[in-house]
Amino acid sequence: MSSDAEKNLPVCFETLADLCLKYRCFQSPSLFHGVLTGQLCGQDKLPREQWLLLFTQLLGEQVNLPEQDRKLALELLDQTLEQLGSGQMDFEPLLPDELYEVEERFAALIKWLQGFLKSLKAAQIDQEKLSQEAKEGLSDLEKIVEAGDLTPAANEENEKDLHELSEFVRLVAMMLYLELHPGRPQVEKPQSGSSLH
């Protein structure tokens, strides 16, 4: 995703990176988003409080998050669900932009995938319900993670490969979501006027 497009989102990579820094959390923001996307794909419904608990665990915090940080976590949830379910094909894994080196962006993609696959596995999705194409896509994502220690050098060819890899990951994630949730919203929407406590 271009940095200009990302700036229009409520929660971008840099926003989440700042929050991680605030809590001295050394997890990649991409891992957070991968975990969330896997939860949204794998569960029938993802309760907002369950996501807040997961988010807090990822930060390594044992205390209640302040209101503004809870709000950010829930904005990330709503933003991701809207992208996955809109049918506009505008879902994007939350990754660093082109200002980062290829090696850093590749490492973030692997972190995203690790979170995504771990969440899917925890949700125990029925793979028999998936199309052959989705099953093969899922298998390919696992192979990408297995090859994750082969860090690419920063050159134009690897830049192109990383872009194609990111696009493949994006398409597989959307395919899995749409196959597992045909036409159904799967997260609680906040009631108007309710607080996030």
Protein backbone atom coordinates (compact mmCIF):
# COMPACT_ATOMS: atom_id res chain seq x y z
CA MET A 1 0.00 0.00 0.00
CA SER A 2 1.30 3.44 -0.79
CA SER A 3 2.09 5.68 2.12
CA ASP A 4 -0.45 8.27 0.83
CA ALA A 5 -3.27 5.72 0.83
CA GLU A 6 -2.18 4.41 4.21
CA LYS A 7 -2.35 7.90 5.76
CA ASN A 8 -6.10 7.97 5.03
CA LEU A 9 -6.69 4.92 7.24
CA PRO A 10 -7.51 5.34 10.94
CA VAL A 11 -4.69 2.96 11.84
CA CYS A 12 -1.54 2.64 9.73
CA PHE A 13 1.72 0.75 10.30
CA GLU A 14 3.43 3.78 11.84
CA THR A 15 0.55 4.47 14.25
CA LEU A 16 0.70 0.92 15.54
CA ALA A 17 4.52 1.03 15.66
CA ASP A 18 4.30 4.15 17.88
CA LEU A 19 1.92 2.34 20.22
CA CYS A 20 4.26 -0.66 20.44
CA LEU A 21 7.12 1.69 21.27
CA LYS A 22 5.03 3.35 23.99
CA TYR A 23 4.63 -0.03 25.72
CA ARG A 24 8.21 -1.13 24.99
CA CYS A 25 6.72 -3.95 22.93
CA PHE A 26 9.14 -5.36 20.38
CA GLN A 27 6.53 -7.20 18.33
CA SER A 28 6.05 -6.09 14.73
CA PRO A 29 2.85 -4.13 14.06
CA SER A 30 2.41 -6.55 11.17
CA LEU A 31 2.12 -9.45 13.63
CA PHE A 32 -0.80 -7.68 15.37
CA HIS A 33 -2.61 -7.26 12.07
CA GLY A 34 -1.88 -10.83 10.97
CA VAL A 35 -3.32 -12.17 14.24
CA LEU A 36 -6.41 -9.98 13.84
CA THR A 37 -6.96 -10.96 10.20
CA GLY A 38 -6.61 -14.65 11.08
CA GLN A 39 -9.14 -14.22 13.90
CA LEU A 40 -11.60 -12.49 11.58
CA CYS A 41 -11.18 -15.19 8.92
CA GLY A 42 -11.25 -18.14 11.30
CA GLN A 43 -14.01 -17.23 13.74
CA ASP A 44 -17.71 -17.00 13.07
CA LYS A 45 -17.84 -13.83 15.17
CA LEU A 46 -15.03 -11.99 16.88
CA PRO A 47 -16.25 -10.27 20.06
CA ARG A 48 -14.72 -6.85 20.51
CA GLU A 49 -13.65 -7.61 24.09
CA GLN A 50 -11.88 -10.76 22.91
CA TRP A 51 -9.86 -8.71 20.42
CA LEU A 52 -9.01 -6.15 23.11
CA LEU A 53 -7.76 -8.98 25.34
CA LEU A 54 -5.65 -10.41 22.51
CA PHE A 55 -4.32 -6.97 21.64
CA THR A 56 -3.30 -6.41 25.25
CA GLN A 57 -1.59 -9.81 25.39
CA LEU A 58 0.36 -9.00 22.22
CA LEU A 59 1.53 -5.76 23.81
CA GLY A 60 2.69 -7.78 26.82
CA GLU A 61 0.56 -5.72 29.17
CA GLN A 62 -1.34 -7.16 32.12
CA VAL A 63 -3.31 -3.99 32.82
CA ASN A 64 -6.35 -2.40 31.22
CA LEU A 65 -5.46 -0.24 28.25
CA PRO A 66 -6.24 3.48 28.49
CA GLU A 67 -9.28 4.65 26.54
CA GLN A 68 -7.30 6.09 23.60
CA ASP A 69 -5.36 2.84 23.11
CA ARG A 70 -8.54 0.75 23.32
CA LYS A 71 -10.02 3.06 20.71
CA LEU A 72 -7.05 2.51 18.42
CA ALA A 73 -7.31 -1.30 18.81
CA LEU A 74 -11.02 -1.20 17.98
CA GLU A 75 -10.42 1.12 15.01
CA LEU A 76 -7.93 -1.43 13.68
CA LEU A 77 -10.57 -4.14 14.11
CA ASP A 78 -13.29 -2.15 12.34
CA GLN A 79 -10.95 -1.01 9.57
CA THR A 80 -9.77 -4.57 8.87
CA LEU A 81 -13.27 -6.06 8.94
CA GLU A 82 -14.56 -3.38 6.59
CA GLN A 83 -11.72 -4.02 4.14
CA LEU A 84 -12.23 -7.79 4.23
CA GLY A 85 -16.00 -7.71 3.91
CA SER A 86 -16.58 -4.75 1.59
CA GLY A 87 -16.22 -6.74 -1.64
CA GLN A 88 -14.07 -3.89 -3.01
CA MET A 89 -10.87 -5.97 -2.86
CA ASP A 90 -9.17 -3.16 -0.91
CA PHE A 91 -7.85 -5.28 1.96
CA GLU A 92 -4.12 -4.83 2.56
CA PRO A 93 -1.87 -6.56 5.11
CA LEU A 94 -0.49 -3.89 7.46
CA LEU A 95 3.14 -3.69 6.35
CA PRO A 96 5.87 -1.03 6.35
CA ASP A 97 6.03 1.15 3.25
CA GLU A 98 8.78 1.65 0.68
CA LEU A 99 10.80 3.87 3.02
CA TYR A 100 11.87 0.66 4.78
CA GLU A 101 14.51 -1.66 3.32
CA VAL A 102 13.40 -4.77 1.42
CA GLU A 103 14.76 -6.97 4.22
CA GLU A 104 12.64 -5.19 6.84
CA ARG A 105 9.51 -5.36 4.72
CA PHE A 106 10.06 -9.05 4.00
CA ALA A 107 10.55 -9.74 7.73
CA ALA A 108 7.31 -7.85 8.47
CA LEU A 109 5.44 -9.91 5.86
CA ILE A 110 6.69 -13.11 7.51
CA LYS A 111 5.56 -11.79 10.93
CA TRP A 112 2.15 -10.97 9.45
CA LEU A 113 1.87 -14.49 8.05
CA GLN A 114 2.97 -16.10 11.31
CA GLY A 115 0.23 -14.24 13.19
CA PHE A 116 -2.35 -14.97 10.50
CA LEU A 117 -1.62 -18.71 10.30
CA LYS A 118 -1.43 -19.11 14.08
CA SER A 119 -4.85 -17.49 14.46
CA LEU A 120 -6.35 -19.65 11.73
CA LYS A 121 -4.94 -22.78 13.35
CA ALA A 122 -6.30 -21.76 16.76
CA ALA A 123 -9.74 -21.22 15.18
CA GLN A 124 -9.66 -24.81 13.85
CA ILE A 125 -11.29 -23.93 10.55
CA ASP A 126 -12.85 -26.79 8.58
CA GLN A 127 -10.51 -27.01 5.61
CA GLU A 128 -12.92 -29.40 3.89
CA LYS A 129 -15.25 -26.43 3.36
CA LEU A 130 -12.58 -24.57 1.43
CA SER A 131 -12.21 -24.63 -2.35
CA GLN A 132 -9.19 -26.39 -3.79
CA GLU A 133 -7.77 -22.99 -4.72
CA ALA A 134 -8.09 -21.72 -1.13
CA LYS A 135 -6.50 -24.90 0.27
CA GLU A 136 -3.56 -24.53 -2.10
CA GLY A 137 -3.25 -20.83 -1.22
CA LEU A 138 -3.14 -21.69 2.49
CA SER A 139 -0.50 -24.32 1.85
CA ASP A 140 1.56 -21.79 -0.12
CA LEU A 141 1.37 -19.29 2.76
CA GLU A 142 2.79 -21.95 5.09
CA LYS A 143 5.65 -22.57 2.63
CA ILE A 144 6.44 -18.84 2.54
CA VAL A 145 6.78 -18.82 6.34
CA GLU A 146 9.00 -21.92 6.24
CA ALA A 147 11.31 -20.10 3.83
CA GLY A 148 11.23 -16.99 6.02
CA ASP A 149 14.87 -17.13 7.06
CA LEU A 150 15.97 -16.58 3.45
CA THR A 151 16.20 -12.81 3.75
CA PRO A 152 16.31 -11.11 0.34
CA ALA A 153 19.00 -8.59 -0.56
CA ALA A 154 17.94 -5.04 -1.40
CA ASN A 155 17.79 -4.91 -5.18
CA GLU A 156 15.22 -4.17 -7.86
CA GLU A 157 14.45 -7.83 -8.57
CA ASN A 158 13.77 -8.60 -4.92
CA GLU A 159 11.66 -5.45 -4.65
CA LYS A 160 9.47 -6.82 -7.45
CA ASP A 161 9.34 -10.27 -5.87
CA LEU A 162 8.31 -8.81 -2.52
CA HIS A 163 5.52 -6.83 -4.16
CA GLU A 164 4.24 -9.98 -5.91
CA LEU A 165 4.49 -11.98 -2.69
CA SER A 166 2.56 -9.32 -0.74
CA GLU A 167 -0.11 -9.26 -3.43
CA PHE A 168 -0.42 -13.07 -3.29
CA VAL A 169 -0.78 -12.99 0.52
CA ARG A 170 -3.41 -10.25 0.22
CA LEU A 171 -5.48 -12.23 -2.31
CA VAL A 172 -5.31 -15.50 -0.34
CA ALA A 173 -6.42 -13.75 2.87
CA MET A 174 -9.40 -12.18 1.09
CA MET A 175 -10.31 -15.47 -0.58
CA LEU A 176 -10.26 -17.31 2.76
CA TYR A 177 -12.39 -14.63 4.43
CA LEU A 178 -14.98 -14.62 1.67
CA GLU A 179 -15.19 -18.42 1.53
CA LEU A 180 -15.54 -18.76 5.29
CA HIS A 181 -17.99 -15.83 5.64
CA PRO A 182 -20.14 -15.64 2.52
CA GLY A 183 -22.08 -12.39 2.81
CA ARG A 184 -22.15 -12.24 6.60
CA PRO A 185 -20.75 -9.62 8.97
CA GLN A 186 -18.83 -11.41 11.70
CA VAL A 187 -17.98 -8.95 14.40
CA GLU A 188 -20.13 -7.12 16.90
CA LYS A 189 -20.71 -3.54 15.88
CA PRO A 190 -20.55 -0.97 18.68
CA GLN A 191 -23.96 0.29 19.69
CA SER A 192 -24.46 3.97 19.05
CA GLY A 193 -23.76 6.00 22.12
CA SER A 194 -22.03 3.14 23.94
CA SER A 195 -18.67 3.80 25.51
CA LEU A 196 -15.58 1.70 24.86
CA HIS A 197 -14.89 1.67 28.62
